[in-house]
Amino acid sequence: MSSHHIVKEDQEPALFIFSAEALSFEKIQELLEWSPTIIVAEWEVPKVKAWGIKLDVVLCAEANLEKLKEELIDQAPIKFITFHSTEDCLSTGLYFLLAAKYKAVNLLASSTDAIPFLSNLRGIEMDAFIDNRKWSFIQKMKFEKWVGPATQFQVYPNQLPFSTTGLSPTLLSESSGMISITASTPFWVGEDLS
């Protein structure tokens, strides 16, 4: 019996690059291992193209569409989705993923400012990578993970009442083992990536 993994198209998490600086390229390469659909905000196209990877979808302002089509002719076939302002780029990309029935997305973002908006989306599993930290949206209200000692976590929203197992009051793992965080509503858990 073979131990090879079979991943059907569009079942791996899409990679939405809203900020190419969110993670080191080494960590980004780990997210690219299963050849996800690559969605890129127009301002990150030069950086992502320099990585030598194939872009699948580019989100751009309508005014920049023709210029980008020319610039990315070597990336064909590629899908272009336009939006009307930079504030709409994030929501446009996420609504595209929902409409295309993606089950999960890894989002590279520039700040936690997007988290309140992301918290309103249902129907898609989501991890947001911001400043070398992985934020996971816990829709089932319980997060469990096996960790080593001194692994630091954060919870968002900050004022959310929650309970923990295996974590100190500052959300630091006390030893190797299973930790858990439970709340009465969906929440985000942040974990430093080293």
C-alpha atoms as a PDB file:
ATOM      1  CA  MET A   1       0.000   0.000   0.000  1.00  0.00           C
ATOM      2  CA  SER A   2       1.356   3.403  -0.915  1.00  0.00           C
ATOM      3  CA  SER A   3       1.743   6.204   1.593  1.00  0.00           C
ATOM      4  CA  HIS A   4       1.475   8.973  -0.999  1.00  0.00           C
ATOM      5  CA  HIS A   5      -0.957  11.758  -0.285  1.00  0.00           C
ATOM      6  CA  ILE A   6      -3.523  12.578  -2.920  1.00  0.00           C
ATOM      7  CA  VAL A   7      -4.807  16.118  -2.851  1.00  0.00           C
ATOM      8  CA  LYS A   8      -7.671  16.983  -5.141  1.00  0.00           C
ATOM      9  CA  GLU A   9      -7.472  20.331  -6.886  1.00  0.00           C
ATOM     10  CA  ASP A  10      -8.669  23.267  -4.769  1.00  0.00           C
ATOM     11  CA  GLN A  11      -8.778  21.154  -1.591  1.00  0.00           C
ATOM     12  CA  GLU A  12      -5.495  22.476  -0.244  1.00  0.00           C
ATOM     13  CA  PRO A  13      -5.670  25.928   1.359  1.00  0.00           C
ATOM     14  CA  ALA A  14      -5.373  28.757  -1.143  1.00  0.00           C
ATOM     15  CA  LEU A  15      -2.527  31.212  -0.483  1.00  0.00           C
ATOM     16  CA  PHE A  16      -3.737  34.832  -0.509  1.00  0.00           C
ATOM     17  CA  ILE A  17      -0.760  37.218  -0.539  1.00  0.00           C
ATOM     18  CA  PHE A  18      -1.996  40.578   0.685  1.00  0.00           C
ATOM     19  CA  SER A  19       1.437  41.350   2.233  1.00  0.00           C
ATOM     20  CA  ALA A  20       4.533  39.452   1.066  1.00  0.00           C
ATOM     21  CA  GLU A  21       6.395  40.684   4.168  1.00  0.00           C
ATOM     22  CA  ALA A  22       4.125  38.814   6.617  1.00  0.00           C
ATOM     23  CA  LEU A  23       6.455  35.793   6.751  1.00  0.00           C
ATOM     24  CA  SER A  24       9.991  34.885   5.811  1.00  0.00           C
ATOM     25  CA  PHE A  25      10.280  33.382   2.332  1.00  0.00           C
ATOM     26  CA  GLU A  26      11.415  30.122   3.977  1.00  0.00           C
ATOM     27  CA  LYS A  27       8.057  29.888   5.798  1.00  0.00           C
ATOM     28  CA  ILE A  28       6.162  30.904   2.648  1.00  0.00           C
ATOM     29  CA  GLN A  29       7.845  28.026   0.786  1.00  0.00           C
ATOM     30  CA  GLU A  30       6.321  25.628   3.328  1.00  0.00           C
ATOM     31  CA  LEU A  31       2.866  26.999   2.429  1.00  0.00           C
ATOM     32  CA  LEU A  32       3.651  26.422  -1.271  1.00  0.00           C
ATOM     33  CA  GLU A  33       4.468  22.701  -0.865  1.00  0.00           C
ATOM     34  CA  TRP A  34       1.067  21.433  -2.021  1.00  0.00           C
ATOM     35  CA  SER A  35       0.841  23.848  -4.991  1.00  0.00           C
ATOM     36  CA  PRO A  36      -2.044  25.955  -3.696  1.00  0.00           C
ATOM     37  CA  THR A  37      -3.965  28.469  -5.751  1.00  0.00           C
ATOM     38  CA  ILE A  38      -1.908  31.690  -5.475  1.00  0.00           C
ATOM     39  CA  ILE A  39      -3.942  34.896  -5.130  1.00  0.00           C
ATOM     40  CA  VAL A  40      -1.951  38.145  -5.061  1.00  0.00           C
ATOM     41  CA  ALA A  41      -2.837  41.774  -4.348  1.00  0.00           C
ATOM     42  CA  GLU A  42      -1.512  43.922  -7.196  1.00  0.00           C
ATOM     43  CA  TRP A  43       1.036  45.804  -5.048  1.00  0.00           C
ATOM     44  CA  GLU A  44       2.737  42.490  -4.188  1.00  0.00           C
ATOM     45  CA  VAL A  45       2.963  41.202  -7.792  1.00  0.00           C
ATOM     46  CA  PRO A  46       6.618  42.303  -8.372  1.00  0.00           C
ATOM     47  CA  LYS A  47       7.839  40.607  -5.158  1.00  0.00           C
ATOM     48  CA  VAL A  48       5.862  37.412  -5.725  1.00  0.00           C
ATOM     49  CA  LYS A  49       6.855  37.227  -9.386  1.00  0.00           C
ATOM     50  CA  ALA A  50      10.517  37.529  -8.309  1.00  0.00           C
ATOM     51  CA  TRP A  51      10.058  34.353  -6.240  1.00  0.00           C
ATOM     52  CA  GLY A  52       9.621  32.487  -9.523  1.00  0.00           C
ATOM     53  CA  ILE A  53       6.199  31.023  -8.747  1.00  0.00           C
ATOM     54  CA  LYS A  54       3.095  30.867 -10.938  1.00  0.00           C
ATOM     55  CA  LEU A  55       0.343  33.320 -10.025  1.00  0.00           C
ATOM     56  CA  ASP A  56      -3.234  32.138 -10.470  1.00  0.00           C
ATOM     57  CA  VAL A  57      -5.328  35.177  -9.512  1.00  0.00           C
ATOM     58  CA  VAL A  58      -4.400  38.869  -9.300  1.00  0.00           C
ATOM     59  CA  LEU A  59      -6.602  41.383  -7.512  1.00  0.00           C
ATOM     60  CA  CYS A  60      -6.213  44.848  -8.983  1.00  0.00           C
ATOM     61  CA  ALA A  61      -7.831  48.241  -9.310  1.00  0.00           C
ATOM     62  CA  GLU A  62      -9.779  48.512 -12.537  1.00  0.00           C
ATOM     63  CA  ALA A  63      -7.486  51.339 -13.727  1.00  0.00           C
ATOM     64  CA  ASN A  64      -4.423  49.017 -13.554  1.00  0.00           C
ATOM     65  CA  LEU A  65      -5.960  45.982 -15.267  1.00  0.00           C
ATOM     66  CA  GLU A  66      -4.557  46.440 -18.805  1.00  0.00           C
ATOM     67  CA  LYS A  67      -1.048  47.271 -17.552  1.00  0.00           C
ATOM     68  CA  LEU A  68      -1.014  44.159 -15.346  1.00  0.00           C
ATOM     69  CA  LYS A  69      -2.330  41.945 -18.149  1.00  0.00           C
ATOM     70  CA  GLU A  70       0.644  43.051 -20.272  1.00  0.00           C
ATOM     71  CA  GLU A  71       3.124  42.682 -17.432  1.00  0.00           C
ATOM     72  CA  LEU A  72       1.911  39.170 -16.594  1.00  0.00           C
ATOM     73  CA  ILE A  73       1.522  37.750 -20.117  1.00  0.00           C
ATOM     74  CA  ASP A  74       4.144  35.113 -19.236  1.00  0.00           C
ATOM     75  CA  GLN A  75       1.930  33.927 -16.349  1.00  0.00           C
ATOM     76  CA  ALA A  76      -1.012  32.948 -18.595  1.00  0.00           C
ATOM     77  CA  PRO A  77      -3.490  31.554 -17.899  1.00  0.00           C
ATOM     78  CA  ILE A  78      -4.210  33.956 -15.069  1.00  0.00           C
ATOM     79  CA  LYS A  79      -7.452  35.331 -13.661  1.00  0.00           C
ATOM     80  CA  PHE A  80      -7.799  39.051 -12.909  1.00  0.00           C
ATOM     81  CA  ILE A  81     -10.375  40.296 -10.431  1.00  0.00           C
ATOM     82  CA  THR A  82     -10.891  44.028 -10.093  1.00  0.00           C
ATOM     83  CA  PHE A  83     -11.902  46.070  -7.081  1.00  0.00           C
ATOM     84  CA  HIS A  84     -12.734  49.758  -6.626  1.00  0.00           C
ATOM     85  CA  SER A  85     -10.441  50.770  -3.728  1.00  0.00           C
ATOM     86  CA  THR A  86      -7.564  49.283  -1.712  1.00  0.00           C
ATOM     87  CA  GLU A  87      -9.922  48.697   1.227  1.00  0.00           C
ATOM     88  CA  ASP A  88     -11.969  46.387  -0.975  1.00  0.00           C
ATOM     89  CA  CYS A  89      -9.028  44.228  -2.109  1.00  0.00           C
ATOM     90  CA  LEU A  90      -9.090  41.986   0.968  1.00  0.00           C
ATOM     91  CA  SER A  91     -12.860  41.454   0.948  1.00  0.00           C
ATOM     92  CA  THR A  92     -12.883  40.972  -2.847  1.00  0.00           C
ATOM     93  CA  GLY A  93     -10.267  38.224  -2.556  1.00  0.00           C
ATOM     94  CA  LEU A  94     -11.989  36.462   0.312  1.00  0.00           C
ATOM     95  CA  TYR A  95     -15.418  36.625  -1.332  1.00  0.00           C
ATOM     96  CA  PHE A  96     -13.832  35.177  -4.500  1.00  0.00           C
ATOM     97  CA  LEU A  97     -12.559  32.222  -2.430  1.00  0.00           C
ATOM     98  CA  LEU A  98     -15.988  31.699  -0.828  1.00  0.00           C
ATOM     99  CA  ALA A  99     -17.760  31.884  -4.199  1.00  0.00           C
ATOM    100  CA  ALA A 100     -15.245  29.431  -5.703  1.00  0.00           C
ATOM    101  CA  LYS A 101     -16.021  27.085  -2.757  1.00  0.00           C
ATOM    102  CA  TYR A 102     -12.514  26.932  -1.324  1.00  0.00           C
ATOM    103  CA  LYS A 103     -12.533  25.179   2.032  1.00  0.00           C
ATOM    104  CA  ALA A 104      -9.464  26.950   3.481  1.00  0.00           C
ATOM    105  CA  VAL A 105      -7.097  29.883   2.967  1.00  0.00           C
ATOM    106  CA  ASN A 106      -3.710  30.942   4.286  1.00  0.00           C
ATOM    107  CA  LEU A 107      -3.694  34.745   4.273  1.00  0.00           C
ATOM    108  CA  LEU A 108      -0.462  36.757   4.408  1.00  0.00           C
ATOM    109  CA  ALA A 109      -1.510  40.110   5.894  1.00  0.00           C
ATOM    110  CA  SER A 110       0.244  43.243   7.119  1.00  0.00           C
ATOM    111  CA  SER A 111      -1.564  43.864  10.395  1.00  0.00           C
ATOM    112  CA  THR A 112      -4.164  42.484  12.767  1.00  0.00           C
ATOM    113  CA  ASP A 113      -6.512  45.297  11.632  1.00  0.00           C
ATOM    114  CA  ALA A 114      -8.134  42.794   9.259  1.00  0.00           C
ATOM    115  CA  ILE A 115      -9.043  40.324  12.010  1.00  0.00           C
ATOM    116  CA  PRO A 116     -12.439  41.880  12.934  1.00  0.00           C
ATOM    117  CA  PHE A 117     -13.510  41.683   9.262  1.00  0.00           C
ATOM    118  CA  LEU A 118     -12.149  38.136   8.909  1.00  0.00           C
ATOM    119  CA  SER A 119     -14.072  37.084  12.032  1.00  0.00           C
ATOM    120  CA  ASN A 120     -17.363  37.714  10.217  1.00  0.00           C
ATOM    121  CA  LEU A 121     -16.625  35.200   7.457  1.00  0.00           C
ATOM    122  CA  ARG A 122     -18.045  31.727   7.860  1.00  0.00           C
ATOM    123  CA  GLY A 123     -17.707  28.692   5.642  1.00  0.00           C
ATOM    124  CA  ILE A 124     -13.939  28.820   5.142  1.00  0.00           C
ATOM    125  CA  GLU A 125     -11.120  27.689   7.429  1.00  0.00           C
ATOM    126  CA  MET A 126      -8.646  30.516   7.841  1.00  0.00           C
ATOM    127  CA  ASP A 127      -5.107  31.060   9.051  1.00  0.00           C
ATOM    128  CA  ALA A 128      -3.711  34.608   8.891  1.00  0.00           C
ATOM    129  CA  PHE A 129       0.049  35.101   8.976  1.00  0.00           C
ATOM    130  CA  ILE A 130       1.032  38.523  10.341  1.00  0.00           C
ATOM    131  CA  ASP A 131       4.526  39.583  11.484  1.00  0.00           C
ATOM    132  CA  ASN A 132       5.823  35.992  11.731  1.00  0.00           C
ATOM    133  CA  ARG A 133       2.852  34.957  13.843  1.00  0.00           C
ATOM    134  CA  LYS A 134       0.195  32.471  12.767  1.00  0.00           C
ATOM    135  CA  TRP A 135      -3.366  33.443  13.716  1.00  0.00           C
ATOM    136  CA  SER A 136      -5.918  30.631  13.463  1.00  0.00           C
ATOM    137  CA  PHE A 137      -9.646  31.300  13.476  1.00  0.00           C
ATOM    138  CA  ILE A 138     -11.214  28.817  15.909  1.00  0.00           C
ATOM    139  CA  GLN A 139     -14.822  28.561  14.766  1.00  0.00           C
ATOM    140  CA  LYS A 140     -15.560  25.487  16.910  1.00  0.00           C
ATOM    141  CA  MET A 141     -14.612  27.443  20.067  1.00  0.00           C
ATOM    142  CA  LYS A 142     -11.902  24.976  21.207  1.00  0.00           C
ATOM    143  CA  PHE A 143      -8.231  25.012  20.195  1.00  0.00           C
ATOM    144  CA  GLU A 144      -6.007  22.033  21.031  1.00  0.00           C
ATOM    145  CA  LYS A 145      -2.403  21.425  20.086  1.00  0.00           C
ATOM    146  CA  TRP A 146       0.619  19.410  21.188  1.00  0.00           C
ATOM    147  CA  VAL A 147       3.442  21.890  21.920  1.00  0.00           C
ATOM    148  CA  GLY A 148       6.907  22.049  23.388  1.00  0.00           C
ATOM    149  CA  PRO A 149       7.769  24.067  26.498  1.00  0.00           C
ATOM    150  CA  ALA A 150       7.748  27.896  26.384  1.00  0.00           C
ATOM    151  CA  THR A 151       5.467  28.250  23.339  1.00  0.00           C
ATOM    152  CA  GLN A 152       3.725  31.632  23.521  1.00  0.00           C
ATOM    153  CA  PHE A 153       0.096  32.091  22.441  1.00  0.00           C
ATOM    154  CA  GLN A 154      -2.272  35.072  22.184  1.00  0.00           C
ATOM    155  CA  VAL A 155      -6.058  35.233  22.019  1.00  0.00           C
ATOM    156  CA  TYR A 156      -8.146  37.752  20.061  1.00  0.00           C
ATOM    157  CA  PRO A 157     -10.388  39.489  20.971  1.00  0.00           C
ATOM    158  CA  ASN A 158      -8.244  40.355  24.004  1.00  0.00           C
ATOM    159  CA  GLN A 159     -11.179  40.841  26.402  1.00  0.00           C
ATOM    160  CA  LEU A 160     -12.779  37.496  25.480  1.00  0.00           C
ATOM    161  CA  PRO A 161     -13.315  35.248  28.532  1.00  0.00           C
ATOM    162  CA  PHE A 162     -11.688  31.866  27.919  1.00  0.00           C
ATOM    163  CA  SER A 163     -10.274  28.892  29.818  1.00  0.00           C
ATOM    164  CA  THR A 164      -6.998  27.055  29.237  1.00  0.00           C
ATOM    165  CA  THR A 165      -5.272  23.795  30.029  1.00  0.00           C
ATOM    166  CA  GLY A 166      -1.475  23.490  30.060  1.00  0.00           C
ATOM    167  CA  LEU A 167      -0.862  27.232  29.746  1.00  0.00           C
ATOM    168  CA  SER A 168       0.304  29.823  32.266  1.00  0.00           C
ATOM    169  CA  PRO A 169      -1.835  32.950  32.901  1.00  0.00           C
ATOM    170  CA  THR A 170       0.309  34.704  30.231  1.00  0.00           C
ATOM    171  CA  LEU A 171      -0.580  31.914  27.723  1.00  0.00           C
ATOM    172  CA  LEU A 172       2.898  30.357  27.753  1.00  0.00           C
ATOM    173  CA  SER A 173       3.058  26.558  27.579  1.00  0.00           C
ATOM    174  CA  GLU A 174       4.377  25.193  30.844  1.00  0.00           C
ATOM    175  CA  SER A 175       5.866  21.957  29.450  1.00  0.00           C
ATOM    176  CA  SER A 176       5.678  19.651  26.445  1.00  0.00           C
ATOM    177  CA  GLY A 177       2.180  18.326  26.017  1.00  0.00           C
ATOM    178  CA  MET A 178      -1.342  19.025  24.897  1.00  0.00           C
ATOM    179  CA  ILE A 179      -2.664  22.524  25.518  1.00  0.00           C
ATOM    180  CA  SER A 180      -6.178  23.796  24.990  1.00  0.00           C
ATOM    181  CA  ILE A 181      -7.997  27.115  24.870  1.00  0.00           C
ATOM    182  CA  THR A 182     -11.800  27.164  25.053  1.00  0.00           C
ATOM    183  CA  ALA A 183     -14.246  30.060  24.731  1.00  0.00           C
ATOM    184  CA  SER A 184     -17.993  30.430  24.299  1.00  0.00           C
ATOM    185  CA  THR A 185     -17.718  32.179  20.913  1.00  0.00           C
ATOM    186  CA  PRO A 186     -15.389  31.801  17.907  1.00  0.00           C
ATOM    187  CA  PHE A 187     -11.977  33.377  18.513  1.00  0.00           C
ATOM    188  CA  TRP A 188      -8.453  33.722  17.114  1.00  0.00           C
ATOM    189  CA  VAL A 189      -5.316  32.094  18.514  1.00  0.00           C
ATOM    190  CA  GLY A 190      -1.942  33.611  17.683  1.00  0.00           C
ATOM    191  CA  GLU A 191       1.275  31.603  17.861  1.00  0.00           C
ATOM    192  CA  ASP A 192       4.812  32.848  17.230  1.00  0.00           C
ATOM    193  CA  LEU A 193       6.588  31.088  14.376  1.00  0.00           C
ATOM    194  CA  SER A 194      10.269  30.515  14.987  1.00  0.00           C
END
